[in-house]
């Protein structure tokens, strides 16, 4: 029965995620066309990546360690191989995003005059 829940999550979740990315892209293109917004500076993009990476890393670690903590509290929970594998993949993805976010923050210009998040005056 648990495999059915995973399949339903994949079948329903992936198209929903794609639709959300599509709407975000359309919003960005509209703002670019309408107001002439430029790209966000690396510092802001790096900060967003750090938050996303931290969230993914903590989610992956919680998938791995929550069954162990639950068994200490006398709650019946076992860590299966699938859960361990998913937790490891999510943790590694979060760490990769954390590393790329820190690289972007290091490459960002330190002076505020070089910020490219401005409106074009037409």
PDB file of N, CA and C in Angstrom:
ATOM      1  N   UNK A   1       0.821  -1.202   0.000  1.00  0.00           N
ATOM      2  CA  UNK A   1       0.000   0.000   0.000  1.00  0.00           C
ATOM      3  C   UNK A   1       0.858   1.256   0.000  1.00  0.00           C
ATOM      4  N   UNK A   2       2.023   1.200   0.648  1.00  0.00           N
ATOM      5  CA  UNK A   2       2.857   2.396   0.709  1.00  0.00           C
ATOM      6  C   UNK A   2       3.459   2.718  -0.652  1.00  0.00           C
ATOM      7  N   UNK A   3       3.664   1.686  -1.488  1.00  0.00           N
ATOM      8  CA  UNK A   3       4.178   1.950  -2.837  1.00  0.00           C
ATOM      9  C   UNK A   3       3.165   2.739  -3.659  1.00  0.00           C
ATOM     10  N   UNK A   4       1.902   2.498  -3.441  1.00  0.00           N
ATOM     11  CA  UNK A   4       0.862   3.231  -4.167  1.00  0.00           C
ATOM     12  C   UNK A   4       0.900   4.713  -3.810  1.00  0.00           C
ATOM     13  N   UNK A   5       1.168   5.014  -2.554  1.00  0.00           N
ATOM     14  CA  UNK A   5       1.245   6.421  -2.139  1.00  0.00           C
ATOM     15  C   UNK A   5       2.423   7.113  -2.812  1.00  0.00           C
ATOM     16  N   UNK A   6       3.534   6.415  -2.940  1.00  0.00           N
ATOM     17  CA  UNK A   6       4.705   6.992  -3.614  1.00  0.00           C
ATOM     18  C   UNK A   6       4.398   7.222  -5.087  1.00  0.00           C
ATOM     19  N   UNK A   7       3.755   6.277  -5.725  1.00  0.00           N
ATOM     20  CA  UNK A   7       3.422   6.427  -7.142  1.00  0.00           C
ATOM     21  C   UNK A   7       2.440   7.574  -7.367  1.00  0.00           C
ATOM     22  N   UNK A   8       1.457   7.701  -6.487  1.00  0.00           N
ATOM     23  CA  UNK A   8       0.499   8.798  -6.603  1.00  0.00           C
ATOM     24  C   UNK A   8       1.202  10.135  -6.404  1.00  0.00           C
ATOM     25  N   UNK A   9       2.125  10.197  -5.444  1.00  0.00           N
ATOM     26  CA  UNK A   9       2.872  11.436  -5.214  1.00  0.00           C
ATOM     27  C   UNK A   9       3.708  11.805  -6.435  1.00  0.00           C
ATOM     28  N   UNK A  10       4.311  10.812  -7.070  1.00  0.00           N
ATOM     29  CA  UNK A  10       5.109  11.088  -8.264  1.00  0.00           C
ATOM     30  C   UNK A  10       4.232  11.514  -9.435  1.00  0.00           C
ATOM     31  N   UNK A  11       3.140  10.792  -9.640  1.00  0.00           N
ATOM     32  CA  UNK A  11       2.270  11.084 -10.777  1.00  0.00           C
ATOM     33  C   UNK A  11       1.601  12.448 -10.623  1.00  0.00           C
ATOM     34  N   UNK A  12       1.210  12.799  -9.409  1.00  0.00           N
ATOM     35  CA  UNK A  12       0.540  14.080  -9.195  1.00  0.00           C
ATOM     36  C   UNK A  12       1.534  15.209  -8.908  1.00  0.00           C
ATOM     37  N   UNK A  13       2.642  14.897  -8.252  1.00  0.00           N
ATOM     38  CA  UNK A  13       3.574  15.919  -7.814  1.00  0.00           C
ATOM     39  C   UNK A  13       4.445  16.484  -8.920  1.00  0.00           C
ATOM     40  N   UNK A  14       4.951  15.631  -9.782  1.00  0.00           N
ATOM     41  CA  UNK A  14       5.848  16.114 -10.834  1.00  0.00           C
ATOM     42  C   UNK A  14       5.162  17.057 -11.824  1.00  0.00           C
ATOM     43  N   UNK A  15       3.964  16.746 -12.321  1.00  0.00           N
ATOM     44  CA  UNK A  15       3.307  17.733 -13.189  1.00  0.00           C
ATOM     45  C   UNK A  15       2.970  19.030 -12.462  1.00  0.00           C
ATOM     46  N   UNK A  16       2.613  18.933 -11.185  1.00  0.00           N
ATOM     47  CA  UNK A  16       2.329  20.139 -10.412  1.00  0.00           C
ATOM     48  C   UNK A  16       3.589  20.983 -10.257  1.00  0.00           C
ATOM     49  N   UNK A  17       4.703  20.352  -9.995  1.00  0.00           N
ATOM     50  CA  UNK A  17       5.969  21.066  -9.879  1.00  0.00           C
ATOM     51  C   UNK A  17       6.349  21.722 -11.206  1.00  0.00           C
ATOM     52  N   UNK A  18       6.159  21.006 -12.305  1.00  0.00           N
ATOM     53  CA  UNK A  18       6.420  21.588 -13.620  1.00  0.00           C
ATOM     54  C   UNK A  18       5.525  22.779 -13.905  1.00  0.00           C
ATOM     55  N   UNK A  19       4.265  22.683 -13.517  1.00  0.00           N
ATOM     56  CA  UNK A  19       3.335  23.794 -13.722  1.00  0.00           C
ATOM     57  C   UNK A  19       3.738  25.010 -12.896  1.00  0.00           C
ATOM     58  N   UNK A  20       4.207  24.782 -11.673  1.00  0.00           N
ATOM     59  CA  UNK A  20       4.656  25.896 -10.829  1.00  0.00           C
ATOM     60  C   UNK A  20       5.874  26.569 -11.443  1.00  0.00           C
ATOM     61  N   UNK A  21       6.826  25.790 -11.951  1.00  0.00           N
ATOM     62  CA  UNK A  21       7.991  26.381 -12.611  1.00  0.00           C
ATOM     63  C   UNK A  21       7.582  27.155 -13.860  1.00  0.00           C
ATOM     64  N   UNK A  22       6.606  26.630 -14.598  1.00  0.00           N
ATOM     65  CA  UNK A  22       6.119  27.323 -15.787  1.00  0.00           C
ATOM     66  C   UNK A  22       5.502  28.672 -15.414  1.00  0.00           C
ATOM     67  N   UNK A  23       4.680  28.696 -14.366  1.00  0.00           N
ATOM     68  CA  UNK A  23       4.065  29.960 -13.941  1.00  0.00           C
ATOM     69  C   UNK A  23       5.114  30.957 -13.448  1.00  0.00           C
ATOM     70  N   UNK A  24       6.129  30.466 -12.762  1.00  0.00           N
ATOM     71  CA  UNK A  24       7.210  31.351 -12.298  1.00  0.00           C
ATOM     72  C   UNK A  24       7.960  31.944 -13.489  1.00  0.00           C
ATOM     73  N   UNK A  25       8.173  31.126 -14.500  1.00  0.00           N
ATOM     74  CA  UNK A  25       8.847  31.617 -15.716  1.00  0.00           C
ATOM     75  C   UNK A  25       7.991  32.663 -16.429  1.00  0.00           C
ATOM     76  N   UNK A  26       6.698  32.417 -16.533  1.00  0.00           N
ATOM     77  CA  UNK A  26       5.806  33.384 -17.188  1.00  0.00           C
ATOM     78  C   UNK A  26       5.779  34.702 -16.412  1.00  0.00           C
ATOM     79  N   UNK A  27       5.756  34.633 -15.080  1.00  0.00           N
ATOM     80  CA  UNK A  27       5.766  35.844 -14.271  1.00  0.00           C
ATOM     81  C   UNK A  27       7.051  36.628 -14.480  1.00  0.00           C
ATOM     82  N   UNK A  28       8.160  35.925 -14.521  1.00  0.00           N
ATOM     83  CA  UNK A  28       9.457  36.578 -14.725  1.00  0.00           C
ATOM     84  C   UNK A  28       9.534  37.236 -16.105  1.00  0.00           C
ATOM     85  N   UNK A  29       9.043  36.552 -17.117  1.00  0.00           N
ATOM     86  CA  UNK A  29       9.062  37.124 -18.468  1.00  0.00           C
ATOM     87  C   UNK A  29       8.135  38.335 -18.562  1.00  0.00           C
ATOM     88  N   UNK A  30       6.995  38.287 -17.887  1.00  0.00           N
ATOM     89  CA  UNK A  30       6.079  39.426 -17.879  1.00  0.00           C
ATOM     90  C   UNK A  30       6.732  40.635 -17.216  1.00  0.00           C
ATOM     91  N   UNK A  31       7.369  40.417 -16.068  1.00  0.00           N
ATOM     92  CA  UNK A  31       8.035  41.522 -15.389  1.00  0.00           C
ATOM     93  C   UNK A  31       9.175  42.089 -16.215  1.00  0.00           C
ATOM     94  N   UNK A  32       9.883  41.216 -16.895  1.00  0.00           N
ATOM     95  CA  UNK A  32      10.970  41.671 -17.752  1.00  0.00           C
ATOM     96  C   UNK A  32      10.438  42.499 -18.912  1.00  0.00           C
ATOM     97  N   UNK A  33       9.357  42.027 -19.521  1.00  0.00           N
ATOM     98  CA  UNK A  33       8.772  42.745 -20.659  1.00  0.00           C
ATOM     99  C   UNK A  33       8.105  44.045 -20.214  1.00  0.00           C
ATOM    100  N   UNK A  34       7.414  44.001 -19.116  1.00  0.00           N
ATOM    101  CA  UNK A  34       6.626  45.148 -18.666  1.00  0.00           C
ATOM    102  C   UNK A  34       7.484  46.247 -18.030  1.00  0.00           C
ATOM    103  N   UNK A  35       8.375  45.849 -17.133  1.00  0.00           N
ATOM    104  CA  UNK A  35       9.120  46.832 -16.358  1.00  0.00           C
ATOM    105  C   UNK A  35      10.610  46.866 -16.677  1.00  0.00           C
ATOM    106  N   UNK A  36      11.079  45.957 -17.467  1.00  0.00           N
ATOM    107  CA  UNK A  36      12.487  45.933 -17.812  1.00  0.00           C
ATOM    108  C   UNK A  36      13.374  45.555 -16.651  1.00  0.00           C
ATOM    109  N   UNK A  37      12.909  44.637 -15.807  1.00  0.00           N
ATOM    110  CA  UNK A  37      13.712  44.209 -14.672  1.00  0.00           C
ATOM    111  C   UNK A  37      14.894  43.389 -15.159  1.00  0.00           C
ATOM    112  N   UNK A  38      16.017  43.626 -14.543  1.00  0.00           N
ATOM    113  CA  UNK A  38      17.201  42.840 -14.857  1.00  0.00           C
ATOM    114  C   UNK A  38      17.302  41.682 -13.878  1.00  0.00           C
ATOM    115  N   UNK A  39      18.335  40.887 -14.075  1.00  0.00           N
ATOM    116  CA  UNK A  39      18.565  39.746 -13.197  1.00  0.00           C
ATOM    117  C   UNK A  39      18.898  40.220 -11.784  1.00  0.00           C
ATOM    118  N   UNK A  40      18.599  39.357 -10.813  1.00  0.00           N
ATOM    119  CA  UNK A  40      18.949  39.644  -9.432  1.00  0.00           C
ATOM    120  C   UNK A  40      20.457  39.505  -9.268  1.00  0.00           C
ATOM    121  N   UNK A  41      21.042  40.258  -8.357  1.00  0.00           N
ATOM    122  CA  UNK A  41      22.479  40.118  -8.134  1.00  0.00           C
ATOM    123  C   UNK A  41      22.820  38.758  -7.526  1.00  0.00           C
ATOM    124  N   UNK A  42      24.073  38.357  -7.688  1.00  0.00           N
ATOM    125  CA  UNK A  42      24.504  37.043  -7.202  1.00  0.00           C
ATOM    126  C   UNK A  42      24.308  36.896  -5.705  1.00  0.00           C
ATOM    127  N   UNK A  43      24.404  37.976  -4.967  1.00  0.00           N
ATOM    128  CA  UNK A  43      24.276  37.893  -3.513  1.00  0.00           C
ATOM    129  C   UNK A  43      22.871  37.442  -3.119  1.00  0.00           C
ATOM    130  N   UNK A  44      21.851  37.989  -3.775  1.00  0.00           N
ATOM    131  CA  UNK A  44      20.467  37.602  -3.455  1.00  0.00           C
ATOM    132  C   UNK A  44      20.189  36.182  -3.917  1.00  0.00           C
ATOM    133  N   UNK A  45      20.676  35.831  -5.112  1.00  0.00           N
ATOM    134  CA  UNK A  45      20.484  34.464  -5.608  1.00  0.00           C
ATOM    135  C   UNK A  45      21.195  33.478  -4.693  1.00  0.00           C
ATOM    136  N   UNK A  46      22.406  33.834  -4.254  1.00  0.00           N
ATOM    137  CA  UNK A  46      23.142  32.964  -3.344  1.00  0.00           C
ATOM    138  C   UNK A  46      22.447  32.803  -2.016  1.00  0.00           C
ATOM    139  N   UNK A  47      21.836  33.874  -1.520  1.00  0.00           N
ATOM    140  CA  UNK A  47      21.109  33.798  -0.255  1.00  0.00           C
ATOM    141  C   UNK A  47      19.892  32.887  -0.383  1.00  0.00           C
ATOM    142  N   UNK A  48      19.171  32.990  -1.490  1.00  0.00           N
ATOM    143  CA  UNK A  48      18.017  32.110  -1.710  1.00  0.00           C
ATOM    144  C   UNK A  48      18.465  30.653  -1.807  1.00  0.00           C
ATOM    145  N   UNK A  49      19.602  30.422  -2.485  1.00  0.00           N
ATOM    146  CA  UNK A  49      20.102  29.054  -2.607  1.00  0.00           C
ATOM    147  C   UNK A  49      20.528  28.499  -1.262  1.00  0.00           C
ATOM    148  N   UNK A  50      21.096  29.348  -0.409  1.00  0.00           N
ATOM    149  CA  UNK A  50      21.482  28.877   0.915  1.00  0.00           C
ATOM    150  C   UNK A  50      20.264  28.441   1.724  1.00  0.00           C
ATOM    151  N   UNK A  51      19.182  29.192   1.626  1.00  0.00           N
ATOM    152  CA  UNK A  51      17.963  28.830   2.352  1.00  0.00           C
ATOM    153  C   UNK A  51      17.384  27.521   1.811  1.00  0.00           C
ATOM    154  N   UNK A  52      17.324  27.400   0.486  1.00  0.00           N
ATOM    155  CA  UNK A  52      16.799  26.167  -0.112  1.00  0.00           C
ATOM    156  C   UNK A  52      17.682  24.972   0.212  1.00  0.00           C
ATOM    157  N   UNK A  53      18.999  25.159   0.165  1.00  0.00           N
ATOM    158  CA  UNK A  53      19.920  24.075   0.469  1.00  0.00           C
ATOM    159  C   UNK A  53      19.830  23.633   1.918  1.00  0.00           C
ATOM    160  N   UNK A  54      19.672  24.600   2.813  1.00  0.00           N
ATOM    161  CA  UNK A  54      19.526  24.268   4.226  1.00  0.00           C
ATOM    162  C   UNK A  54      18.236  23.483   4.463  1.00  0.00           C
ATOM    163  N   UNK A  55      17.162  23.893   3.809  1.00  0.00           N
ATOM    164  CA  UNK A  55      15.889  23.186   3.941  1.00  0.00           C
ATOM    165  C   UNK A  55      16.010  21.747   3.430  1.00  0.00           C
ATOM    166  N   UNK A  56      16.620  21.571   2.265  1.00  0.00           N
ATOM    167  CA  UNK A  56      16.751  20.215   1.713  1.00  0.00           C
ATOM    168  C   UNK A  56      17.661  19.352   2.577  1.00  0.00           C
ATOM    169  N   UNK A  57      18.764  19.921   3.049  1.00  0.00           N
ATOM    170  CA  UNK A  57      19.684  19.143   3.876  1.00  0.00           C
ATOM    171  C   UNK A  57      19.016  18.692   5.172  1.00  0.00           C
ATOM    172  N   UNK A  58      18.311  19.603   5.817  1.00  0.00           N
ATOM    173  CA  UNK A  58      17.633  19.236   7.059  1.00  0.00           C
ATOM    174  C   UNK A  58      16.500  18.242   6.810  1.00  0.00           C
ATOM    175  N   UNK A  59      15.838  18.349   5.676  1.00  0.00           N
ATOM    176  CA  UNK A  59      14.781  17.381   5.345  1.00  0.00           C
ATOM    177  C   UNK A  59      15.367  15.991   5.140  1.00  0.00           C
ATOM    178  N   UNK A  60      16.468  15.918   4.417  1.00  0.00           N
ATOM    179  CA  UNK A  60      17.109  14.622   4.203  1.00  0.00           C
ATOM    180  C   UNK A  60      17.626  14.010   5.482  1.00  0.00           C
ATOM    181  N   UNK A  61      18.221  14.837   6.345  1.00  0.00           N
ATOM    182  CA  UNK A  61      18.699  14.321   7.619  1.00  0.00           C
ATOM    183  C   UNK A  61      17.545  13.869   8.507  1.00  0.00           C
ATOM    184  N   UNK A  62      16.433  14.580   8.453  1.00  0.00           N
ATOM    185  CA  UNK A  62      15.288  14.167   9.274  1.00  0.00           C
ATOM    186  C   UNK A  62      14.704  12.850   8.764  1.00  0.00           C
ATOM    187  N   UNK A  63      14.704  12.637   7.440  1.00  0.00           N
ATOM    188  CA  UNK A  63      14.233  11.353   6.919  1.00  0.00           C
ATOM    189  C   UNK A  63      15.108  10.209   7.413  1.00  0.00           C
ATOM    190  N   UNK A  64      16.375  10.496   7.612  1.00  0.00           N
ATOM    191  CA  UNK A  64      17.299   9.451   8.039  1.00  0.00           C
ATOM    192  C   UNK A  64      17.237   9.200   9.538  1.00  0.00           C
ATOM    193  N   UNK A  65      17.134  10.260  10.338  1.00  0.00           N
ATOM    194  CA  UNK A  65      17.284  10.098  11.774  1.00  0.00           C
ATOM    195  C   UNK A  65      15.983  10.046  12.570  1.00  0.00           C
ATOM    196  N   UNK A  66      14.868  10.468  12.022  1.00  0.00           N
ATOM    197  CA  UNK A  66      13.610  10.460  12.776  1.00  0.00           C
ATOM    198  C   UNK A  66      13.177   9.050  13.179  1.00  0.00           C
ATOM    199  N   UNK A  67      13.310   8.023  12.339  1.00  0.00           N
ATOM    200  CA  UNK A  67      12.939   6.681  12.817  1.00  0.00           C
ATOM    201  C   UNK A  67      13.791   6.211  13.996  1.00  0.00           C
ATOM    202  N   UNK A  68      15.061   6.595  14.021  1.00  0.00           N
ATOM    203  CA  UNK A  68      15.911   6.214  15.157  1.00  0.00           C
ATOM    204  C   UNK A  68      15.468   6.931  16.429  1.00  0.00           C
ATOM    205  N   UNK A  69      15.149   8.190  16.312  1.00  0.00           N
ATOM    206  CA  UNK A  69      14.682   8.956  17.467  1.00  0.00           C
ATOM    207  C   UNK A  69      13.331   8.424  17.936  1.00  0.00           C
ATOM    208  N   UNK A  70      12.486   8.046  16.990  1.00  0.00           N
ATOM    209  CA  UNK A  70      11.171   7.507  17.358  1.00  0.00           C
ATOM    210  C   UNK A  70      11.310   6.175  18.090  1.00  0.00           C
ATOM    211  N   UNK A  71      12.260   5.354  17.674  1.00  0.00           N
ATOM    212  CA  UNK A  71      12.437   4.063  18.355  1.00  0.00           C
ATOM    213  C   UNK A  71      12.982   4.252  19.768  1.00  0.00           C
ATOM    214  N   UNK A  72      13.756   5.308  20.003  1.00  0.00           N
ATOM    215  CA  UNK A  72      14.216   5.612  21.363  1.00  0.00           C
ATOM    216  C   UNK A  72      13.031   5.969  22.249  1.00  0.00           C
ATOM    217  N   UNK A  73      12.026   6.627  21.670  1.00  0.00           N
ATOM    218  CA  UNK A  73      10.845   7.052  22.430  1.00  0.00           C
ATOM    219  C   UNK A  73       9.765   5.973  22.446  1.00  0.00           C
ATOM    220  N   UNK A  74      10.134   4.736  22.114  1.00  0.00           N
ATOM    221  CA  UNK A  74       9.241   3.576  22.119  1.00  0.00           C
ATOM    222  C   UNK A  74       8.087   3.713  21.131  1.00  0.00           C
ATOM    223  N   UNK A  75       8.340   4.360  20.022  1.00  0.00           N
ATOM    224  CA  UNK A  75       7.373   4.422  18.924  1.00  0.00           C
ATOM    225  C   UNK A  75       7.886   3.479  17.846  1.00  0.00           C
ATOM    226  N   UNK A  76       7.008   2.638  17.354  1.00  0.00           N
ATOM    227  CA  UNK A  76       7.430   1.639  16.381  1.00  0.00           C
ATOM    228  C   UNK A  76       7.697   2.309  15.027  1.00  0.00           C
ATOM    229  N   UNK A  77       8.964   2.406  14.686  1.00  0.00           N
ATOM    230  CA  UNK A  77       9.372   2.971  13.403  1.00  0.00           C
ATOM    231  C   UNK A  77      10.685   2.321  13.014  1.00  0.00           C
ATOM    232  N   UNK A  78      10.787   1.936  11.759  1.00  0.00           N
ATOM    233  CA  UNK A  78      12.019   1.320  11.283  1.00  0.00           C
ATOM    234  C   UNK A  78      12.529   2.107  10.089  1.00  0.00           C
ATOM    235  N   UNK A  79      13.830   2.148   9.997  1.00  0.00           N
ATOM    236  CA  UNK A  79      14.477   2.816   8.872  1.00  0.00           C
ATOM    237  C   UNK A  79      14.661   1.796   7.768  1.00  0.00           C
ATOM    238  N   UNK A  80      13.944   1.970   6.674  1.00  0.00           N
ATOM    239  CA  UNK A  80      14.057   1.050   5.560  1.00  0.00           C
ATOM    240  C   UNK A  80      15.151   1.525   4.607  1.00  0.00           C
ATOM    241  N   UNK A  81      15.539   0.653   3.722  1.00  0.00           N
ATOM    242  CA  UNK A  81      16.576   1.002   2.751  1.00  0.00           C
ATOM    243  C   UNK A  81      16.104   2.126   1.830  1.00  0.00           C
ATOM    244  N   UNK A  82      14.836   2.097   1.446  1.00  0.00           N
ATOM    245  CA  UNK A  82      14.312   3.142   0.576  1.00  0.00           C
ATOM    246  C   UNK A  82      14.341   4.503   1.259  1.00  0.00           C
ATOM    247  N   UNK A  83      13.967   4.507   2.530  1.00  0.00           N
ATOM    248  CA  UNK A  83      13.961   5.756   3.284  1.00  0.00           C
ATOM    249  C   UNK A  83      15.382   6.288   3.462  1.00  0.00           C
ATOM    250  N   UNK A  84      16.320   5.391   3.724  1.00  0.00           N
ATOM    251  CA  UNK A  84      17.715   5.788   3.867  1.00  0.00           C
ATOM    252  C   UNK A  84      18.259   6.330   2.554  1.00  0.00           C
ATOM    253  N   UNK A  85      17.920   5.685   1.452  1.00  0.00           N
ATOM    254  CA  UNK A  85      18.392   6.137   0.138  1.00  0.00           C
ATOM    255  C   UNK A  85      17.803   7.492  -0.225  1.00  0.00           C
ATOM    256  N   UNK A  86      16.510   7.678  -0.002  1.00  0.00           N
ATOM    257  CA  UNK A  86      15.880   8.967  -0.299  1.00  0.00           C
ATOM    258  C   UNK A  86      16.455  10.059   0.583  1.00  0.00           C
ATOM    259  N   UNK A  87      16.671   9.756   1.865  1.00  0.00           N
ATOM    260  CA  UNK A  87      17.272  10.729   2.768  1.00  0.00           C
ATOM    261  C   UNK A  87      18.671  11.122   2.338  1.00  0.00           C
ATOM    262  N   UNK A  88      19.460  10.144   1.884  1.00  0.00           N
ATOM    263  CA  UNK A  88      20.823  10.445   1.430  1.00  0.00           C
ATOM    264  C   UNK A  88      20.804  11.295   0.170  1.00  0.00           C
ATOM    265  N   UNK A  89      19.907  10.991  -0.755  1.00  0.00           N
ATOM    266  CA  UNK A  89      19.832  11.762  -2.002  1.00  0.00           C
ATOM    267  C   UNK A  89      19.403  13.199  -1.720  1.00  0.00           C
ATOM    268  N   UNK A  90      18.397  13.367  -0.872  1.00  0.00           N
ATOM    269  CA  UNK A  90      17.912  14.711  -0.547  1.00  0.00           C
ATOM    270  C   UNK A  90      18.984  15.498   0.199  1.00  0.00           C
ATOM    271  N   UNK A  91      19.695  14.847   1.110  1.00  0.00           N
ATOM    272  CA  UNK A  91      20.771  15.523   1.840  1.00  0.00           C
ATOM    273  C   UNK A  91      21.884  15.955   0.894  1.00  0.00           C
ATOM    274  N   UNK A  92      22.273  15.072  -0.023  1.00  0.00           N
ATOM    275  CA  UNK A  92      23.329  15.423  -0.981  1.00  0.00           C
ATOM    276  C   UNK A  92      22.885  16.550  -1.910  1.00  0.00           C
ATOM    277  N   UNK A  93      21.633  16.546  -2.319  1.00  0.00           N
ATOM    278  CA  UNK A  93      21.130  17.641  -3.152  1.00  0.00           C
ATOM    279  C   UNK A  93      21.160  18.954  -2.386  1.00  0.00           C
ATOM    280  N   UNK A  94      20.768  18.911  -1.118  1.00  0.00           N
ATOM    281  CA  UNK A  94      20.819  20.113  -0.287  1.00  0.00           C
ATOM    282  C   UNK A  94      22.231  20.617  -0.099  1.00  0.00           C
ATOM    283  N   UNK A  95      23.176  19.714   0.105  1.00  0.00           N
ATOM    284  CA  UNK A  95      24.572  20.120   0.253  1.00  0.00           C
ATOM    285  C   UNK A  95      25.112  20.730  -1.035  1.00  0.00           C
ATOM    286  N   UNK A  96      24.711  20.179  -2.179  1.00  0.00           N
ATOM    287  CA  UNK A  96      25.152  20.745  -3.459  1.00  0.00           C
ATOM    288  C   UNK A  96      24.607  22.159  -3.647  1.00  0.00           C
ATOM    289  N   UNK A  97      23.359  22.370  -3.270  1.00  0.00           N
ATOM    290  CA  UNK A  97      22.781  23.714  -3.377  1.00  0.00           C
ATOM    291  C   UNK A  97      23.454  24.665  -2.396  1.00  0.00           C
ATOM    292  N   UNK A  98      23.778  24.180  -1.191  1.00  0.00           N
ATOM    293  CA  UNK A  98      24.489  25.013  -0.221  1.00  0.00           C
ATOM    294  C   UNK A  98      25.857  25.438  -0.755  1.00  0.00           C
ATOM    295  N   UNK A  99      26.565  24.514  -1.372  1.00  0.00           N
ATOM    296  CA  UNK A  99      27.886  24.833  -1.919  1.00  0.00           C
ATOM    297  C   UNK A  99      27.780  25.832  -3.058  1.00  0.00           C
ATOM    298  N   UNK A 100      26.822  25.622  -3.963  1.00  0.00           N
ATOM    299  CA  UNK A 100      26.681  26.566  -5.083  1.00  0.00           C
ATOM    300  C   UNK A 100      26.224  27.936  -4.585  1.00  0.00           C
ATOM    301  N   UNK A 101      25.390  27.969  -3.559  1.00  0.00           N
ATOM    302  CA  UNK A 101      24.971  29.250  -2.998  1.00  0.00           C
ATOM    303  C   UNK A 101      26.113  29.995  -2.346  1.00  0.00           C
ATOM    304  N   UNK A 102      26.983  29.268  -1.659  1.00  0.00           N
ATOM    305  CA  UNK A 102      28.126  29.938  -1.035  1.00  0.00           C
ATOM    306  C   UNK A 102      29.117  30.425  -2.081  1.00  0.00           C
ATOM    307  N   UNK A 103      29.252  29.693  -3.177  1.00  0.00           N
ATOM    308  CA  UNK A 103      30.130  30.153  -4.263  1.00  0.00           C
ATOM    309  C   UNK A 103      29.569  31.419  -4.891  1.00  0.00           C
ATOM    310  N   UNK A 104      28.258  31.467  -5.111  1.00  0.00           N
ATOM    311  CA  UNK A 104      27.652  32.667  -5.684  1.00  0.00           C
ATOM    312  C   UNK A 104      27.796  33.862  -4.756  1.00  0.00           C
ATOM    313  N   UNK A 105      27.669  33.648  -3.459  1.00  0.00           N
ATOM    314  CA  UNK A 105      27.817  34.759  -2.515  1.00  0.00           C
ATOM    315  C   UNK A 105      29.241  35.278  -2.488  1.00  0.00           C
ATOM    316  N   UNK A 106      30.221  34.387  -2.660  1.00  0.00           N
ATOM    317  CA  UNK A 106      31.616  34.814  -2.673  1.00  0.00           C
ATOM    318  C   UNK A 106      31.950  35.608  -3.927  1.00  0.00           C
ATOM    319  N   UNK A 107      31.321  35.264  -5.049  1.00  0.00           N
ATOM    320  CA  UNK A 107      31.604  35.950  -6.307  1.00  0.00           C
ATOM    321  C   UNK A 107      30.853  37.263  -6.449  1.00  0.00           C
ATOM    322  N   UNK A 108      29.916  37.535  -5.542  1.00  0.00           N
ATOM    323  CA  UNK A 108      29.109  38.745  -5.680  1.00  0.00           C
ATOM    324  C   UNK A 108      29.947  39.975  -5.376  1.00  0.00           C
ATOM    325  N   UNK A 109      29.678  41.081  -6.087  1.00  0.00           N
ATOM    326  CA  UNK A 109      30.418  42.314  -5.811  1.00  0.00           C
ATOM    327  C   UNK A 109      30.051  42.862  -4.438  1.00  0.00           C
ATOM    328  N   UNK A 110      31.047  43.405  -3.757  1.00  0.00           N
ATOM    329  CA  UNK A 110      30.789  43.887  -2.397  1.00  0.00           C
ATOM    330  C   UNK A 110      30.223  45.296  -2.382  1.00  0.00           C
ATOM    331  N   UNK A 111      30.387  46.034  -3.464  1.00  0.00           N
ATOM    332  CA  UNK A 111      29.876  47.395  -3.480  1.00  0.00           C
ATOM    333  C   UNK A 111      28.428  47.425  -3.936  1.00  0.00           C
ATOM    334  N   UNK A 112      27.575  48.210  -3.282  1.00  0.00           N
ATOM    335  CA  UNK A 112      26.160  48.248  -3.659  1.00  0.00           C
ATOM    336  C   UNK A 112      25.927  48.967  -4.979  1.00  0.00           C
ATOM    337  N   UNK A 113      26.904  49.686  -5.492  1.00  0.00           N
ATOM    338  CA  UNK A 113      26.702  50.415  -6.738  1.00  0.00           C
ATOM    339  C   UNK A 113      26.653  49.483  -7.940  1.00  0.00           C
ATOM    340  N   UNK A 114      27.157  48.255  -7.787  1.00  0.00           N
ATOM    341  CA  UNK A 114      27.168  47.322  -8.900  1.00  0.00           C
ATOM    342  C   UNK A 114      25.938  46.420  -8.912  1.00  0.00           C
ATOM    343  N   UNK A 115      24.981  46.689  -8.061  1.00  0.00           N
ATOM    344  CA  UNK A 115      23.773  45.884  -8.024  1.00  0.00           C
ATOM    345  C   UNK A 115      22.987  46.092  -9.317  1.00  0.00           C
ATOM    346  N   UNK A 116      22.519  44.991  -9.906  1.00  0.00           N
ATOM    347  CA  UNK A 116      21.837  45.092 -11.187  1.00  0.00           C
ATOM    348  C   UNK A 116      20.332  44.914 -11.055  1.00  0.00           C
ATOM    349  N   UNK A 117      19.789  44.981  -9.849  1.00  0.00           N
ATOM    350  CA  UNK A 117      18.359  44.837  -9.664  1.00  0.00           C
ATOM    351  C   UNK A 117      17.733  46.227  -9.640  1.00  0.00           C
ATOM    352  N   UNK A 118      17.544  46.756 -10.810  1.00  0.00           N
ATOM    353  CA  UNK A 118      17.005  48.111 -10.947  1.00  0.00           C
ATOM    354  C   UNK A 118      16.003  48.137 -12.084  1.00  0.00           C
ATOM    355  N   UNK A 119      15.198  49.160 -12.099  1.00  0.00           N
ATOM    356  CA  UNK A 119      14.239  49.366 -13.179  1.00  0.00           C
ATOM    357  C   UNK A 119      14.881  50.224 -14.257  1.00  0.00           C
ATOM    358  N   UNK A 120      14.596  49.874 -15.497  1.00  0.00           N
ATOM    359  CA  UNK A 120      15.030  50.724 -16.606  1.00  0.00           C
ATOM    360  C   UNK A 120      14.092  51.889 -16.723  1.00  0.00           C
ATOM    361  N   UNK A 121      14.624  53.059 -16.808  1.00  0.00           N
ATOM    362  CA  UNK A 121      13.805  54.260 -16.983  1.00  0.00           C
ATOM    363  C   UNK A 121      13.547  54.441 -18.483  1.00  0.00           C
ATOM    364  N   UNK A 122      12.310  54.351 -18.883  1.00  0.00           N
ATOM    365  CA  UNK A 122      11.947  54.518 -20.311  1.00  0.00           C
ATOM    366  C   UNK A 122      11.341  55.860 -20.558  1.00  0.00           C
TER     367      UNK A 122
END
